[in-house]
């Protein structure tokens, strides 16, 4: 309930949500929060409302379609007709349309089939390797830590451990409590 949120040297603690995309911050929330009666393309284009994103909207759309090719095929389909995995791709794609320098992903694998989870994490890894900074909150800690540069273990709202992913994965009590390791 207390603290300061700093981003690129500026205090953004009280920055209104609608101003965050102009600063380069985008979020894909848990549950995706898509507009179910709008098409894939319309949902994606809604992500490009920030001034910094509008000029390159069509190029960014191509980038999203290259990242998630199945969305190009489903561009004219209402999102209510998509699978959970496809909806998650639209949610991530919509956030990417804002041209973020920081992408916040809240539970990107929540409620998805294992095969789809693997595909989503593959795309998240590609985003990271492409230079995008990611902040991910994820129940599937094992998969998230395979991508992460640094991790935090939060319990009842408090950070109980932090460190390199390899160190966190090696802690026996954490592995038993949090990580569904294969």
C-alpha atoms as a PDB file:
ATOM      1  CA  UNK A   1       0.000   0.000   0.000  1.00  0.00           C
ATOM      2  CA  UNK A   2       3.030   2.259   0.116  1.00  0.00           C
ATOM      3  CA  UNK A   3       5.936   2.918  -2.126  1.00  0.00           C
ATOM      4  CA  UNK A   4       6.947   4.586  -5.317  1.00  0.00           C
ATOM      5  CA  UNK A   5       6.811   3.268  -8.852  1.00  0.00           C
ATOM      6  CA  UNK A   6       9.699   4.536 -10.965  1.00  0.00           C
ATOM      7  CA  UNK A   7       9.943   4.077 -14.726  1.00  0.00           C
ATOM      8  CA  UNK A   8      12.790   5.460 -16.806  1.00  0.00           C
ATOM      9  CA  UNK A   9      13.760   7.813 -13.997  1.00  0.00           C
ATOM     10  CA  UNK A  10      10.270   9.264 -13.479  1.00  0.00           C
ATOM     11  CA  UNK A  11       7.843   8.719 -10.612  1.00  0.00           C
ATOM     12  CA  UNK A  12       4.721   7.212 -12.201  1.00  0.00           C
ATOM     13  CA  UNK A  13       3.042   6.130  -8.963  1.00  0.00           C
ATOM     14  CA  UNK A  14      -0.007   8.331  -9.540  1.00  0.00           C
ATOM     15  CA  UNK A  15       0.120   8.430 -13.329  1.00  0.00           C
ATOM     16  CA  UNK A  16      -3.393   7.809 -14.698  1.00  0.00           C
ATOM     17  CA  UNK A  17      -3.795   4.557 -16.620  1.00  0.00           C
ATOM     18  CA  UNK A  18      -4.600   6.318 -19.903  1.00  0.00           C
ATOM     19  CA  UNK A  19      -1.229   8.131 -19.790  1.00  0.00           C
ATOM     20  CA  UNK A  20       0.893   5.010 -19.299  1.00  0.00           C
ATOM     21  CA  UNK A  21       0.926   3.917 -22.959  1.00  0.00           C
ATOM     22  CA  UNK A  22       2.365   7.321 -23.922  1.00  0.00           C
ATOM     23  CA  UNK A  23       5.235   6.539 -21.552  1.00  0.00           C
ATOM     24  CA  UNK A  24       5.811   3.169 -23.225  1.00  0.00           C
ATOM     25  CA  UNK A  25       3.963   0.909 -20.783  1.00  0.00           C
ATOM     26  CA  UNK A  26       1.369  -1.613 -21.944  1.00  0.00           C
ATOM     27  CA  UNK A  27      -0.431  -4.367 -20.070  1.00  0.00           C
ATOM     28  CA  UNK A  28      -2.122  -7.600 -21.010  1.00  0.00           C
ATOM     29  CA  UNK A  29      -4.375  -8.189 -17.997  1.00  0.00           C
ATOM     30  CA  UNK A  30      -5.410 -11.502 -16.518  1.00  0.00           C
ATOM     31  CA  UNK A  31      -8.577 -12.629 -18.239  1.00  0.00           C
ATOM     32  CA  UNK A  32      -7.612 -10.712 -21.394  1.00  0.00           C
ATOM     33  CA  UNK A  33     -10.562  -8.290 -21.191  1.00  0.00           C
ATOM     34  CA  UNK A  34     -11.250  -8.241 -24.891  1.00  0.00           C
ATOM     35  CA  UNK A  35     -14.287  -6.748 -26.578  1.00  0.00           C
ATOM     36  CA  UNK A  36     -16.115  -9.993 -27.456  1.00  0.00           C
ATOM     37  CA  UNK A  37     -18.378  -8.552 -30.156  1.00  0.00           C
ATOM     38  CA  UNK A  38     -15.494  -6.889 -31.995  1.00  0.00           C
ATOM     39  CA  UNK A  39     -13.272  -8.694 -34.469  1.00  0.00           C
ATOM     40  CA  UNK A  40      -9.684  -9.690 -33.856  1.00  0.00           C
ATOM     41  CA  UNK A  41      -8.505  -6.792 -36.020  1.00  0.00           C
ATOM     42  CA  UNK A  42     -10.698  -4.257 -34.218  1.00  0.00           C
ATOM     43  CA  UNK A  43      -9.491  -5.460 -30.809  1.00  0.00           C
ATOM     44  CA  UNK A  44      -5.886  -5.191 -31.962  1.00  0.00           C
ATOM     45  CA  UNK A  45      -6.329  -1.693 -33.397  1.00  0.00           C
ATOM     46  CA  UNK A  46      -7.754  -0.490 -30.073  1.00  0.00           C
ATOM     47  CA  UNK A  47      -4.291  -1.026 -28.616  1.00  0.00           C
ATOM     48  CA  UNK A  48      -2.806   1.627 -30.910  1.00  0.00           C
ATOM     49  CA  UNK A  49      -4.617   4.558 -29.307  1.00  0.00           C
ATOM     50  CA  UNK A  50      -1.436   6.129 -27.911  1.00  0.00           C
ATOM     51  CA  UNK A  51      -0.014   8.930 -30.046  1.00  0.00           C
ATOM     52  CA  UNK A  52       3.354   7.192 -30.057  1.00  0.00           C
ATOM     53  CA  UNK A  53       1.740   4.121 -31.678  1.00  0.00           C
ATOM     54  CA  UNK A  54      -0.628   5.605 -34.256  1.00  0.00           C
ATOM     55  CA  UNK A  55       1.935   6.526 -36.907  1.00  0.00           C
ATOM     56  CA  UNK A  56       3.160   2.939 -37.202  1.00  0.00           C
ATOM     57  CA  UNK A  57      -0.154   1.173 -36.548  1.00  0.00           C
ATOM     58  CA  UNK A  58      -0.158  -0.835 -39.784  1.00  0.00           C
ATOM     59  CA  UNK A  59       3.485  -1.891 -39.395  1.00  0.00           C
ATOM     60  CA  UNK A  60       2.824  -2.955 -35.809  1.00  0.00           C
ATOM     61  CA  UNK A  61      -0.237  -4.904 -36.952  1.00  0.00           C
ATOM     62  CA  UNK A  62       1.993  -6.813 -39.387  1.00  0.00           C
ATOM     63  CA  UNK A  63       4.444  -7.490 -36.549  1.00  0.00           C
ATOM     64  CA  UNK A  64       1.631  -8.898 -34.392  1.00  0.00           C
ATOM     65  CA  UNK A  65       0.368 -11.031 -37.279  1.00  0.00           C
ATOM     66  CA  UNK A  66       3.903 -12.322 -37.882  1.00  0.00           C
ATOM     67  CA  UNK A  67       4.213 -13.195 -34.183  1.00  0.00           C
ATOM     68  CA  UNK A  68       0.769 -14.841 -34.089  1.00  0.00           C
ATOM     69  CA  UNK A  69       0.040 -16.024 -37.680  1.00  0.00           C
ATOM     70  CA  UNK A  70      -3.289 -17.597 -36.734  1.00  0.00           C
ATOM     71  CA  UNK A  71      -4.622 -14.132 -35.882  1.00  0.00           C
ATOM     72  CA  UNK A  72      -4.121 -12.982 -39.469  1.00  0.00           C
ATOM     73  CA  UNK A  73      -6.342 -15.874 -40.587  1.00  0.00           C
ATOM     74  CA  UNK A  74      -8.958 -14.953 -37.970  1.00  0.00           C
ATOM     75  CA  UNK A  75      -8.771 -11.145 -38.361  1.00  0.00           C
ATOM     76  CA  UNK A  76     -12.466 -10.776 -39.290  1.00  0.00           C
ATOM     77  CA  UNK A  77     -13.738 -13.169 -36.600  1.00  0.00           C
ATOM     78  CA  UNK A  78     -15.345 -11.824 -33.422  1.00  0.00           C
ATOM     79  CA  UNK A  79     -13.163 -12.604 -30.422  1.00  0.00           C
ATOM     80  CA  UNK A  80     -16.050 -14.321 -28.641  1.00  0.00           C
ATOM     81  CA  UNK A  81     -15.636 -17.132 -31.200  1.00  0.00           C
ATOM     82  CA  UNK A  82     -11.935 -17.698 -30.473  1.00  0.00           C
ATOM     83  CA  UNK A  83     -10.349 -20.325 -28.257  1.00  0.00           C
ATOM     84  CA  UNK A  84      -8.817 -19.225 -24.970  1.00  0.00           C
ATOM     85  CA  UNK A  85      -5.351 -19.422 -26.479  1.00  0.00           C
ATOM     86  CA  UNK A  86      -6.324 -17.310 -29.473  1.00  0.00           C
ATOM     87  CA  UNK A  87      -7.929 -14.783 -27.142  1.00  0.00           C
ATOM     88  CA  UNK A  88      -4.707 -14.604 -25.139  1.00  0.00           C
ATOM     89  CA  UNK A  89      -2.796 -13.963 -28.365  1.00  0.00           C
ATOM     90  CA  UNK A  90      -5.192 -11.106 -29.165  1.00  0.00           C
ATOM     91  CA  UNK A  91      -4.681  -9.706 -25.659  1.00  0.00           C
ATOM     92  CA  UNK A  92      -0.906  -9.763 -25.994  1.00  0.00           C
ATOM     93  CA  UNK A  93      -1.151  -8.439 -29.540  1.00  0.00           C
ATOM     94  CA  UNK A  94      -3.378  -5.564 -28.449  1.00  0.00           C
ATOM     95  CA  UNK A  95      -0.811  -4.587 -25.804  1.00  0.00           C
ATOM     96  CA  UNK A  96       1.961  -4.765 -28.410  1.00  0.00           C
ATOM     97  CA  UNK A  97       0.005  -2.392 -30.651  1.00  0.00           C
ATOM     98  CA  UNK A  98       0.835   0.376 -28.137  1.00  0.00           C
ATOM     99  CA  UNK A  99       4.530   0.000 -29.106  1.00  0.00           C
ATOM    100  CA  UNK A 100       5.614  -0.516 -25.487  1.00  0.00           C
ATOM    101  CA  UNK A 101       9.110  -0.479 -24.092  1.00  0.00           C
ATOM    102  CA  UNK A 102       7.689  -2.319 -21.050  1.00  0.00           C
ATOM    103  CA  UNK A 103       5.059  -5.027 -21.449  1.00  0.00           C
ATOM    104  CA  UNK A 104       3.283  -6.193 -18.301  1.00  0.00           C
ATOM    105  CA  UNK A 105       1.829  -9.691 -18.593  1.00  0.00           C
ATOM    106  CA  UNK A 106      -0.596 -10.750 -15.863  1.00  0.00           C
ATOM    107  CA  UNK A 107      -1.024 -14.533 -15.812  1.00  0.00           C
ATOM    108  CA  UNK A 108      -0.514 -15.132 -19.554  1.00  0.00           C
ATOM    109  CA  UNK A 109      -0.987 -18.904 -19.180  1.00  0.00           C
ATOM    110  CA  UNK A 110      -4.061 -18.808 -16.929  1.00  0.00           C
ATOM    111  CA  UNK A 111      -6.746 -21.264 -18.005  1.00  0.00           C
ATOM    112  CA  UNK A 112      -4.964 -22.435 -21.148  1.00  0.00           C
ATOM    113  CA  UNK A 113      -4.325 -25.967 -22.384  1.00  0.00           C
ATOM    114  CA  UNK A 114      -0.729 -27.217 -21.910  1.00  0.00           C
ATOM    115  CA  UNK A 115       0.063 -27.096 -25.634  1.00  0.00           C
ATOM    116  CA  UNK A 116      -1.167 -23.507 -25.824  1.00  0.00           C
ATOM    117  CA  UNK A 117       0.789 -22.577 -22.689  1.00  0.00           C
ATOM    118  CA  UNK A 118       3.967 -23.787 -24.388  1.00  0.00           C
ATOM    119  CA  UNK A 119       3.158 -21.704 -27.475  1.00  0.00           C
ATOM    120  CA  UNK A 120       2.442 -18.571 -25.425  1.00  0.00           C
ATOM    121  CA  UNK A 121       5.699 -18.932 -23.495  1.00  0.00           C
ATOM    122  CA  UNK A 122       7.574 -19.450 -26.777  1.00  0.00           C
ATOM    123  CA  UNK A 123       6.173 -16.120 -28.029  1.00  0.00           C
ATOM    124  CA  UNK A 124       6.963 -14.381 -24.734  1.00  0.00           C
ATOM    125  CA  UNK A 125      10.539 -15.647 -25.008  1.00  0.00           C
ATOM    126  CA  UNK A 126      10.708 -14.283 -28.583  1.00  0.00           C
ATOM    127  CA  UNK A 127       9.529 -10.872 -27.360  1.00  0.00           C
ATOM    128  CA  UNK A 128      12.212 -10.848 -24.681  1.00  0.00           C
ATOM    129  CA  UNK A 129      14.898 -11.949 -27.125  1.00  0.00           C
ATOM    130  CA  UNK A 130      13.738  -9.161 -29.441  1.00  0.00           C
ATOM    131  CA  UNK A 131      14.641  -6.641 -26.752  1.00  0.00           C
ATOM    132  CA  UNK A 132      11.269  -5.942 -25.145  1.00  0.00           C
ATOM    133  CA  UNK A 133      11.340  -5.513 -21.371  1.00  0.00           C
ATOM    134  CA  UNK A 134       8.787  -7.761 -19.669  1.00  0.00           C
ATOM    135  CA  UNK A 135       7.250  -7.776 -16.212  1.00  0.00           C
ATOM    136  CA  UNK A 136       5.344 -11.020 -15.781  1.00  0.00           C
ATOM    137  CA  UNK A 137       3.110 -12.212 -12.969  1.00  0.00           C
ATOM    138  CA  UNK A 138       2.615 -15.923 -13.528  1.00  0.00           C
ATOM    139  CA  UNK A 139       1.226 -18.895 -11.615  1.00  0.00           C
ATOM    140  CA  UNK A 140       3.357 -21.257 -13.697  1.00  0.00           C
ATOM    141  CA  UNK A 141       6.547 -20.150 -11.977  1.00  0.00           C
ATOM    142  CA  UNK A 142       8.678 -22.897 -13.478  1.00  0.00           C
ATOM    143  CA  UNK A 143       7.982 -21.795 -17.068  1.00  0.00           C
ATOM    144  CA  UNK A 144       8.207 -18.106 -16.185  1.00  0.00           C
ATOM    145  CA  UNK A 145      11.600 -18.541 -14.531  1.00  0.00           C
ATOM    146  CA  UNK A 146      12.921 -20.316 -17.628  1.00  0.00           C
ATOM    147  CA  UNK A 147      12.450 -16.984 -19.431  1.00  0.00           C
ATOM    148  CA  UNK A 148      13.191 -14.526 -16.619  1.00  0.00           C
ATOM    149  CA  UNK A 149      16.428 -12.727 -15.854  1.00  0.00           C
ATOM    150  CA  UNK A 150      15.362 -12.201 -12.236  1.00  0.00           C
ATOM    151  CA  UNK A 151      12.504 -13.475 -10.105  1.00  0.00           C
ATOM    152  CA  UNK A 152      10.520 -12.653  -7.003  1.00  0.00           C
ATOM    153  CA  UNK A 153       8.472 -15.076  -4.930  1.00  0.00           C
ATOM    154  CA  UNK A 154       5.503 -13.317  -3.364  1.00  0.00           C
ATOM    155  CA  UNK A 155       3.491 -14.860  -0.548  1.00  0.00           C
ATOM    156  CA  UNK A 156       0.470 -13.109   0.967  1.00  0.00           C
ATOM    157  CA  UNK A 157       1.523  -9.845  -0.659  1.00  0.00           C
ATOM    158  CA  UNK A 158       5.098  -9.921   0.609  1.00  0.00           C
ATOM    159  CA  UNK A 159       8.302 -10.729  -1.242  1.00  0.00           C
ATOM    160  CA  UNK A 160       9.692 -13.809   0.536  1.00  0.00           C
ATOM    161  CA  UNK A 161      12.515 -14.613  -1.906  1.00  0.00           C
ATOM    162  CA  UNK A 162      14.206 -12.945  -4.826  1.00  0.00           C
ATOM    163  CA  UNK A 163      17.092 -13.841  -7.030  1.00  0.00           C
ATOM    164  CA  UNK A 164      18.328 -15.382 -10.217  1.00  0.00           C
ATOM    165  CA  UNK A 165      15.931 -17.945 -11.679  1.00  0.00           C
ATOM    166  CA  UNK A 166      18.495 -20.745 -11.306  1.00  0.00           C
ATOM    167  CA  UNK A 167      18.837 -19.961  -7.596  1.00  0.00           C
ATOM    168  CA  UNK A 168      15.085 -19.857  -7.039  1.00  0.00           C
ATOM    169  CA  UNK A 169      14.534 -23.123  -8.885  1.00  0.00           C
ATOM    170  CA  UNK A 170      17.198 -24.790  -6.736  1.00  0.00           C
ATOM    171  CA  UNK A 171      15.509 -23.978  -3.414  1.00  0.00           C
ATOM    172  CA  UNK A 172      13.841 -27.231  -2.361  1.00  0.00           C
ATOM    173  CA  UNK A 173      11.127 -25.647  -0.196  1.00  0.00           C
ATOM    174  CA  UNK A 174      10.159 -23.277  -2.982  1.00  0.00           C
ATOM    175  CA  UNK A 175      10.143 -26.025  -5.559  1.00  0.00           C
ATOM    176  CA  UNK A 176       7.727 -28.050  -3.445  1.00  0.00           C
ATOM    177  CA  UNK A 177       5.499 -25.083  -2.616  1.00  0.00           C
ATOM    178  CA  UNK A 178       5.331 -23.234  -5.915  1.00  0.00           C
ATOM    179  CA  UNK A 179       6.821 -25.014  -8.872  1.00  0.00           C
ATOM    180  CA  UNK A 180       5.077 -27.735 -10.791  1.00  0.00           C
ATOM    181  CA  UNK A 181       8.331 -29.146 -12.104  1.00  0.00           C
ATOM    182  CA  UNK A 182       8.263 -31.963 -14.599  1.00  0.00           C
END
